[in-house]
């Protein structure tokens, strides 16, 4: 999964953008921002971790919070 995610980052040409920075409302409102495009791409292609996120949310599994939490917040 890490290879696939890194490939997406390369394809979206993140450039100098630091992907470890939190998303802002300004980023969310810009459909052309690479972070917004990444979130929408991941959401629309329904990758395998989408199912994991669904299960973790239903079971309130906090062990998945570190890895799936940022994606959950982004699609929220």
PDB file of N, CA and C in Angstrom:
ATOM      1  N   UNK A   1       0.811  -1.184   0.000  1.00  0.00           N
ATOM      2  CA  UNK A   1       0.000   0.000   0.000  1.00  0.00           C
ATOM      3  C   UNK A   1       0.863   1.260   0.000  1.00  0.00           C
ATOM      4  N   UNK A   2       1.977   1.181   0.681  1.00  0.00           N
ATOM      5  CA  UNK A   2       2.859   2.354   0.740  1.00  0.00           C
ATOM      6  C   UNK A   2       3.375   2.705  -0.652  1.00  0.00           C
ATOM      7  N   UNK A   3       3.717   1.691  -1.451  1.00  0.00           N
ATOM      8  CA  UNK A   3       4.202   1.944  -2.810  1.00  0.00           C
ATOM      9  C   UNK A   3       3.115   2.620  -3.643  1.00  0.00           C
ATOM     10  N   UNK A   4       1.893   2.141  -3.509  1.00  0.00           N
ATOM     11  CA  UNK A   4       0.781   2.721  -4.264  1.00  0.00           C
ATOM     12  C   UNK A   4       0.538   4.164  -3.846  1.00  0.00           C
ATOM     13  N   UNK A   5       0.592   4.435  -2.543  1.00  0.00           N
ATOM     14  CA  UNK A   5       0.383   5.788  -2.049  1.00  0.00           C
ATOM     15  C   UNK A   5       1.488   6.712  -2.543  1.00  0.00           C
ATOM     16  N   UNK A   6       2.729   6.268  -2.474  1.00  0.00           N
ATOM     17  CA  UNK A   6       3.842   7.084  -2.969  1.00  0.00           C
ATOM     18  C   UNK A   6       3.712   7.351  -4.462  1.00  0.00           C
ATOM     19  N   UNK A   7       3.231   6.359  -5.206  1.00  0.00           N
ATOM     20  CA  UNK A   7       3.006   6.541  -6.645  1.00  0.00           C
ATOM     21  C   UNK A   7       1.966   7.639  -6.881  1.00  0.00           C
ATOM     22  N   UNK A   8       0.894   7.629  -6.077  1.00  0.00           N
ATOM     23  CA  UNK A   8      -0.120   8.678  -6.210  1.00  0.00           C
ATOM     24  C   UNK A   8       0.464  10.054  -5.916  1.00  0.00           C
ATOM     25  N   UNK A   9       1.301  10.135  -4.901  1.00  0.00           N
ATOM     26  CA  UNK A   9       1.928  11.422  -4.571  1.00  0.00           C
ATOM     27  C   UNK A   9       2.781  11.929  -5.731  1.00  0.00           C
ATOM     28  N   UNK A  10       3.500  11.025  -6.368  1.00  0.00           N
ATOM     29  CA  UNK A  10       4.336  11.399  -7.508  1.00  0.00           C
ATOM     30  C   UNK A  10       3.461  11.841  -8.682  1.00  0.00           C
ATOM     31  N   UNK A  11       2.387  11.105  -8.953  1.00  0.00           N
ATOM     32  CA  UNK A  11       1.503  11.430 -10.074  1.00  0.00           C
ATOM     33  C   UNK A  11       0.806  12.775  -9.891  1.00  0.00           C
ATOM     34  N   UNK A  12       0.505  13.125  -8.655  1.00  0.00           N
ATOM     35  CA  UNK A  12      -0.187  14.386  -8.400  1.00  0.00           C
ATOM     36  C   UNK A  12       0.756  15.572  -8.320  1.00  0.00           C
ATOM     37  N   UNK A  13       2.039  15.316  -8.495  1.00  0.00           N
ATOM     38  CA  UNK A  13       3.048  16.374  -8.505  1.00  0.00           C
ATOM     39  C   UNK A  13       2.907  17.286  -7.282  1.00  0.00           C
ATOM     40  N   UNK A  14       3.148  16.707  -6.119  1.00  0.00           N
ATOM     41  CA  UNK A  14       3.035  17.445  -4.866  1.00  0.00           C
ATOM     42  C   UNK A  14       4.123  18.513  -4.753  1.00  0.00           C
ATOM     43  N   UNK A  15       5.178  18.372  -5.525  1.00  0.00           N
ATOM     44  CA  UNK A  15       6.230  19.376  -5.543  1.00  0.00           C
ATOM     45  C   UNK A  15       6.859  19.594  -4.186  1.00  0.00           C
ATOM     46  N   UNK A  16       6.960  20.840  -3.787  1.00  0.00           N
ATOM     47  CA  UNK A  16       7.582  21.206  -2.511  1.00  0.00           C
ATOM     48  C   UNK A  16       6.611  21.134  -1.339  1.00  0.00           C
ATOM     49  N   UNK A  17       5.368  20.768  -1.591  1.00  0.00           N
ATOM     50  CA  UNK A  17       4.383  20.753  -0.525  1.00  0.00           C
ATOM     51  C   UNK A  17       4.735  19.688   0.513  1.00  0.00           C
ATOM     52  N   UNK A  18       4.695  20.067   1.779  1.00  0.00           N
ATOM     53  CA  UNK A  18       5.000  19.157   2.882  1.00  0.00           C
ATOM     54  C   UNK A  18       3.721  18.423   3.264  1.00  0.00           C
ATOM     55  N   UNK A  19       3.620  17.150   2.870  1.00  0.00           N
ATOM     56  CA  UNK A  19       2.391  16.385   3.103  1.00  0.00           C
ATOM     57  C   UNK A  19       2.162  16.068   4.572  1.00  0.00           C
ATOM     58  N   UNK A  20       3.128  16.358   5.433  1.00  0.00           N
ATOM     59  CA  UNK A  20       2.922  16.101   6.857  1.00  0.00           C
ATOM     60  C   UNK A  20       2.199  17.264   7.551  1.00  0.00           C
ATOM     61  N   UNK A  21       1.981  18.369   6.823  1.00  0.00           N
ATOM     62  CA  UNK A  21       1.278  19.519   7.389  1.00  0.00           C
ATOM     63  C   UNK A  21      -0.228  19.260   7.399  1.00  0.00           C
ATOM     64  N   UNK A  22      -0.926  19.779   8.411  1.00  0.00           N
ATOM     65  CA  UNK A  22      -2.382  19.585   8.464  1.00  0.00           C
ATOM     66  C   UNK A  22      -3.093  20.308   7.319  1.00  0.00           C
ATOM     67  N   UNK A  23      -4.242  19.761   6.928  1.00  0.00           N
ATOM     68  CA  UNK A  23      -5.061  20.414   5.911  1.00  0.00           C
ATOM     69  C   UNK A  23      -5.737  21.630   6.526  1.00  0.00           C
ATOM     70  N   UNK A  24      -5.896  22.648   5.726  1.00  0.00           N
ATOM     71  CA  UNK A  24      -6.603  23.843   6.170  1.00  0.00           C
ATOM     72  C   UNK A  24      -7.910  23.955   5.391  1.00  0.00           C
ATOM     73  N   UNK A  25      -8.799  24.823   5.830  1.00  0.00           N
ATOM     74  CA  UNK A  25     -10.043  25.044   5.086  1.00  0.00           C
ATOM     75  C   UNK A  25      -9.752  25.586   3.695  1.00  0.00           C
ATOM     76  N   UNK A  26      -8.702  26.391   3.594  1.00  0.00           N
ATOM     77  CA  UNK A  26      -8.324  26.942   2.294  1.00  0.00           C
ATOM     78  C   UNK A  26      -7.974  25.817   1.313  1.00  0.00           C
ATOM     79  N   UNK A  27      -7.241  24.816   1.797  1.00  0.00           N
ATOM     80  CA  UNK A  27      -6.883  23.670   0.953  1.00  0.00           C
ATOM     81  C   UNK A  27      -8.139  22.902   0.552  1.00  0.00           C
ATOM     82  N   UNK A  28      -9.027  22.652   1.511  1.00  0.00           N
ATOM     83  CA  UNK A  28     -10.259  21.891   1.237  1.00  0.00           C
ATOM     84  C   UNK A  28     -11.155  22.577   0.220  1.00  0.00           C
ATOM     85  N   UNK A  29     -11.121  23.883   0.196  1.00  0.00           N
ATOM     86  CA  UNK A  29     -11.982  24.646  -0.716  1.00  0.00           C
ATOM     87  C   UNK A  29     -11.400  24.781  -2.116  1.00  0.00           C
ATOM     88  N   UNK A  30     -10.160  24.370  -2.294  1.00  0.00           N
ATOM     89  CA  UNK A  30      -9.490  24.491  -3.590  1.00  0.00           C
ATOM     90  C   UNK A  30      -9.451  23.124  -4.283  1.00  0.00           C
ATOM     91  N   UNK A  31     -10.332  22.881  -5.256  1.00  0.00           N
ATOM     92  CA  UNK A  31     -10.362  21.566  -5.907  1.00  0.00           C
ATOM     93  C   UNK A  31      -9.119  21.264  -6.736  1.00  0.00           C
ATOM     94  N   UNK A  32      -8.289  22.280  -6.977  1.00  0.00           N
ATOM     95  CA  UNK A  32      -7.079  22.072  -7.764  1.00  0.00           C
ATOM     96  C   UNK A  32      -5.837  21.873  -6.901  1.00  0.00           C
ATOM     97  N   UNK A  33      -5.981  21.985  -5.595  1.00  0.00           N
ATOM     98  CA  UNK A  33      -4.839  21.778  -4.700  1.00  0.00           C
ATOM     99  C   UNK A  33      -4.488  20.285  -4.718  1.00  0.00           C
ATOM    100  N   UNK A  34      -3.205  19.936  -4.772  1.00  0.00           N
ATOM    101  CA  UNK A  34      -2.823  18.529  -4.854  1.00  0.00           C
ATOM    102  C   UNK A  34      -3.315  17.690  -3.668  1.00  0.00           C
ATOM    103  N   UNK A  35      -3.414  18.276  -2.495  1.00  0.00           N
ATOM    104  CA  UNK A  35      -3.900  17.516  -1.333  1.00  0.00           C
ATOM    105  C   UNK A  35      -5.375  17.181  -1.515  1.00  0.00           C
ATOM    106  N   UNK A  36      -6.166  18.145  -1.957  1.00  0.00           N
ATOM    107  CA  UNK A  36      -7.585  17.904  -2.202  1.00  0.00           C
ATOM    108  C   UNK A  36      -7.756  16.850  -3.288  1.00  0.00           C
ATOM    109  N   UNK A  37      -6.957  16.937  -4.321  1.00  0.00           N
ATOM    110  CA  UNK A  37      -7.042  15.953  -5.403  1.00  0.00           C
ATOM    111  C   UNK A  37      -6.671  14.555  -4.907  1.00  0.00           C
ATOM    112  N   UNK A  38      -5.683  14.481  -4.025  1.00  0.00           N
ATOM    113  CA  UNK A  38      -5.287  13.186  -3.471  1.00  0.00           C
ATOM    114  C   UNK A  38      -6.423  12.582  -2.654  1.00  0.00           C
ATOM    115  N   UNK A  39      -7.027  13.379  -1.791  1.00  0.00           N
ATOM    116  CA  UNK A  39      -8.130  12.883  -0.956  1.00  0.00           C
ATOM    117  C   UNK A  39      -9.289  12.417  -1.829  1.00  0.00           C
ATOM    118  N   UNK A  40      -9.647  13.223  -2.824  1.00  0.00           N
ATOM    119  CA  UNK A  40     -10.749  12.842  -3.711  1.00  0.00           C
ATOM    120  C   UNK A  40     -10.426  11.605  -4.535  1.00  0.00           C
ATOM    121  N   UNK A  41      -9.182  11.477  -4.952  1.00  0.00           N
ATOM    122  CA  UNK A  41      -8.771  10.285  -5.702  1.00  0.00           C
ATOM    123  C   UNK A  41      -8.885   9.050  -4.830  1.00  0.00           C
ATOM    124  N   UNK A  42      -8.358   9.115  -3.622  1.00  0.00           N
ATOM    125  CA  UNK A  42      -8.426   7.966  -2.711  1.00  0.00           C
ATOM    126  C   UNK A  42      -9.865   7.621  -2.384  1.00  0.00           C
ATOM    127  N   UNK A  43     -10.686   8.619  -2.170  1.00  0.00           N
ATOM    128  CA  UNK A  43     -12.088   8.374  -1.834  1.00  0.00           C
ATOM    129  C   UNK A  43     -12.837   7.754  -3.009  1.00  0.00           C
ATOM    130  N   UNK A  44     -12.592   8.246  -4.210  1.00  0.00           N
ATOM    131  CA  UNK A  44     -13.351   7.776  -5.366  1.00  0.00           C
ATOM    132  C   UNK A  44     -12.920   6.395  -5.843  1.00  0.00           C
ATOM    133  N   UNK A  45     -11.665   6.022  -5.633  1.00  0.00           N
ATOM    134  CA  UNK A  45     -11.220   4.712  -6.118  1.00  0.00           C
ATOM    135  C   UNK A  45     -11.474   3.609  -5.102  1.00  0.00           C
ATOM    136  N   UNK A  46     -11.912   3.974  -3.909  1.00  0.00           N
ATOM    137  CA  UNK A  46     -12.229   3.038  -2.850  1.00  0.00           C
ATOM    138  C   UNK A  46     -11.135   1.973  -2.687  1.00  0.00           C
ATOM    139  N   UNK A  47      -9.965   2.396  -2.268  1.00  0.00           N
ATOM    140  CA  UNK A  47      -8.863   1.453  -2.083  1.00  0.00           C
ATOM    141  C   UNK A  47      -9.144   0.506  -0.917  1.00  0.00           C
ATOM    142  N   UNK A  48      -8.341  -0.533  -0.749  1.00  0.00           N
ATOM    143  CA  UNK A  48      -8.599  -1.510   0.318  1.00  0.00           C
ATOM    144  C   UNK A  48      -8.680  -0.911   1.713  1.00  0.00           C
ATOM    145  N   UNK A  49      -7.958   0.161   1.983  1.00  0.00           N
ATOM    146  CA  UNK A  49      -8.005   0.685   3.338  1.00  0.00           C
ATOM    147  C   UNK A  49      -9.299   1.414   3.652  1.00  0.00           C
ATOM    148  N   UNK A  50     -10.116   1.678   2.643  1.00  0.00           N
ATOM    149  CA  UNK A  50     -11.427   2.282   2.887  1.00  0.00           C
ATOM    150  C   UNK A  50     -12.279   1.326   3.717  1.00  0.00           C
ATOM    151  N   UNK A  51     -12.218   0.047   3.393  1.00  0.00           N
ATOM    152  CA  UNK A  51     -12.938  -0.980   4.154  1.00  0.00           C
ATOM    153  C   UNK A  51     -12.406  -1.035   5.589  1.00  0.00           C
ATOM    154  N   UNK A  52     -11.085  -0.942   5.733  1.00  0.00           N
ATOM    155  CA  UNK A  52     -10.479  -0.945   7.071  1.00  0.00           C
ATOM    156  C   UNK A  52     -10.953   0.255   7.882  1.00  0.00           C
ATOM    157  N   UNK A  53     -11.043   1.402   7.230  1.00  0.00           N
ATOM    158  CA  UNK A  53     -11.521   2.609   7.906  1.00  0.00           C
ATOM    159  C   UNK A  53     -12.961   2.425   8.365  1.00  0.00           C
ATOM    160  N   UNK A  54     -13.773   1.858   7.504  1.00  0.00           N
ATOM    161  CA  UNK A  54     -15.167   1.598   7.840  1.00  0.00           C
ATOM    162  C   UNK A  54     -15.273   0.682   9.061  1.00  0.00           C
ATOM    163  N   UNK A  55     -14.522  -0.407   9.042  1.00  0.00           N
ATOM    164  CA  UNK A  55     -14.552  -1.358  10.162  1.00  0.00           C
ATOM    165  C   UNK A  55     -14.030  -0.723  11.449  1.00  0.00           C
ATOM    166  N   UNK A  56     -12.937   0.012  11.349  1.00  0.00           N
ATOM    167  CA  UNK A  56     -12.365   0.650  12.539  1.00  0.00           C
ATOM    168  C   UNK A  56     -13.335   1.673  13.125  1.00  0.00           C
ATOM    169  N   UNK A  57     -14.049   2.379  12.264  1.00  0.00           N
ATOM    170  CA  UNK A  57     -15.016   3.364  12.736  1.00  0.00           C
ATOM    171  C   UNK A  57     -16.180   2.698  13.453  1.00  0.00           C
ATOM    172  N   UNK A  58     -16.649   1.624  12.889  1.00  0.00           N
ATOM    173  CA  UNK A  58     -17.789   0.925  13.497  1.00  0.00           C
ATOM    174  C   UNK A  58     -17.427   0.271  14.823  1.00  0.00           C
ATOM    175  N   UNK A  59     -16.190  -0.226  14.907  1.00  0.00           N
ATOM    176  CA  UNK A  59     -15.760  -0.916  16.122  1.00  0.00           C
ATOM    177  C   UNK A  59     -15.036   0.009  17.098  1.00  0.00           C
ATOM    178  N   UNK A  60     -14.908   1.285  16.730  1.00  0.00           N
ATOM    179  CA  UNK A  60     -14.175   2.269  17.541  1.00  0.00           C
ATOM    180  C   UNK A  60     -12.774   1.770  17.898  1.00  0.00           C
ATOM    181  N   UNK A  61     -12.111   1.189  16.899  1.00  0.00           N
ATOM    182  CA  UNK A  61     -10.770   0.625  17.063  1.00  0.00           C
ATOM    183  C   UNK A  61      -9.727   1.740  17.011  1.00  0.00           C
ATOM    184  N   UNK A  62      -9.246   2.139  18.173  1.00  0.00           N
ATOM    185  CA  UNK A  62      -8.305   3.256  18.238  1.00  0.00           C
ATOM    186  C   UNK A  62      -6.890   2.874  17.818  1.00  0.00           C
ATOM    187  N   UNK A  63      -6.609   1.592  17.625  1.00  0.00           N
ATOM    188  CA  UNK A  63      -5.280   1.193  17.153  1.00  0.00           C
ATOM    189  C   UNK A  63      -5.066   1.622  15.705  1.00  0.00           C
ATOM    190  N   UNK A  64      -6.139   1.877  14.982  1.00  0.00           N
ATOM    191  CA  UNK A  64      -6.056   2.310  13.577  1.00  0.00           C
ATOM    192  C   UNK A  64      -6.023   3.825  13.444  1.00  0.00           C
ATOM    193  N   UNK A  65      -6.149   4.523  14.560  1.00  0.00           N
ATOM    194  CA  UNK A  65      -6.259   5.977  14.526  1.00  0.00           C
ATOM    195  C   UNK A  65      -5.048   6.659  13.898  1.00  0.00           C
ATOM    196  N   UNK A  66      -3.853   6.174  14.203  1.00  0.00           N
ATOM    197  CA  UNK A  66      -2.635   6.816  13.691  1.00  0.00           C
ATOM    198  C   UNK A  66      -2.524   6.703  12.171  1.00  0.00           C
ATOM    199  N   UNK A  67      -2.916   5.566  11.615  1.00  0.00           N
ATOM    200  CA  UNK A  67      -2.754   5.366  10.178  1.00  0.00           C
ATOM    201  C   UNK A  67      -3.975   5.789   9.369  1.00  0.00           C
ATOM    202  N   UNK A  68      -5.167   5.545   9.877  1.00  0.00           N
ATOM    203  CA  UNK A  68      -6.380   5.858   9.121  1.00  0.00           C
ATOM    204  C   UNK A  68      -7.056   7.153   9.559  1.00  0.00           C
ATOM    205  N   UNK A  69      -6.692   7.658  10.709  1.00  0.00           N
ATOM    206  CA  UNK A  69      -7.302   8.877  11.238  1.00  0.00           C
ATOM    207  C   UNK A  69      -7.182  10.075  10.326  1.00  0.00           C
ATOM    208  N   UNK A  70      -5.993  10.354   9.769  1.00  0.00           N
ATOM    209  CA  UNK A  70      -5.879  11.521   8.875  1.00  0.00           C
ATOM    210  C   UNK A  70      -6.793  11.432   7.644  1.00  0.00           C
ATOM    211  N   UNK A  71      -6.919  10.229   7.085  1.00  0.00           N
ATOM    212  CA  UNK A  71      -7.810  10.059   5.934  1.00  0.00           C
ATOM    213  C   UNK A  71      -9.256  10.268   6.355  1.00  0.00           C
ATOM    214  N   UNK A  72      -9.617   9.759   7.533  1.00  0.00           N
ATOM    215  CA  UNK A  72     -10.969   9.935   8.045  1.00  0.00           C
ATOM    216  C   UNK A  72     -11.289  11.417   8.233  1.00  0.00           C
ATOM    217  N   UNK A  73     -10.356  12.160   8.777  1.00  0.00           N
ATOM    218  CA  UNK A  73     -10.579  13.599   8.971  1.00  0.00           C
ATOM    219  C   UNK A  73     -10.679  14.328   7.635  1.00  0.00           C
ATOM    220  N   UNK A  74      -9.885  13.901   6.671  1.00  0.00           N
ATOM    221  CA  UNK A  74      -9.896  14.563   5.362  1.00  0.00           C
ATOM    222  C   UNK A  74     -11.231  14.374   4.660  1.00  0.00           C
ATOM    223  N   UNK A  75     -11.818  13.184   4.743  1.00  0.00           N
ATOM    224  CA  UNK A  75     -13.094  12.970   4.058  1.00  0.00           C
ATOM    225  C   UNK A  75     -14.268  13.456   4.891  1.00  0.00           C
ATOM    226  N   UNK A  76     -14.029  13.744   6.171  1.00  0.00           N
ATOM    227  CA  UNK A  76     -15.079  14.292   7.031  1.00  0.00           C
ATOM    228  C   UNK A  76     -15.465  15.664   6.519  1.00  0.00           C
TER     229      UNK A  76
END
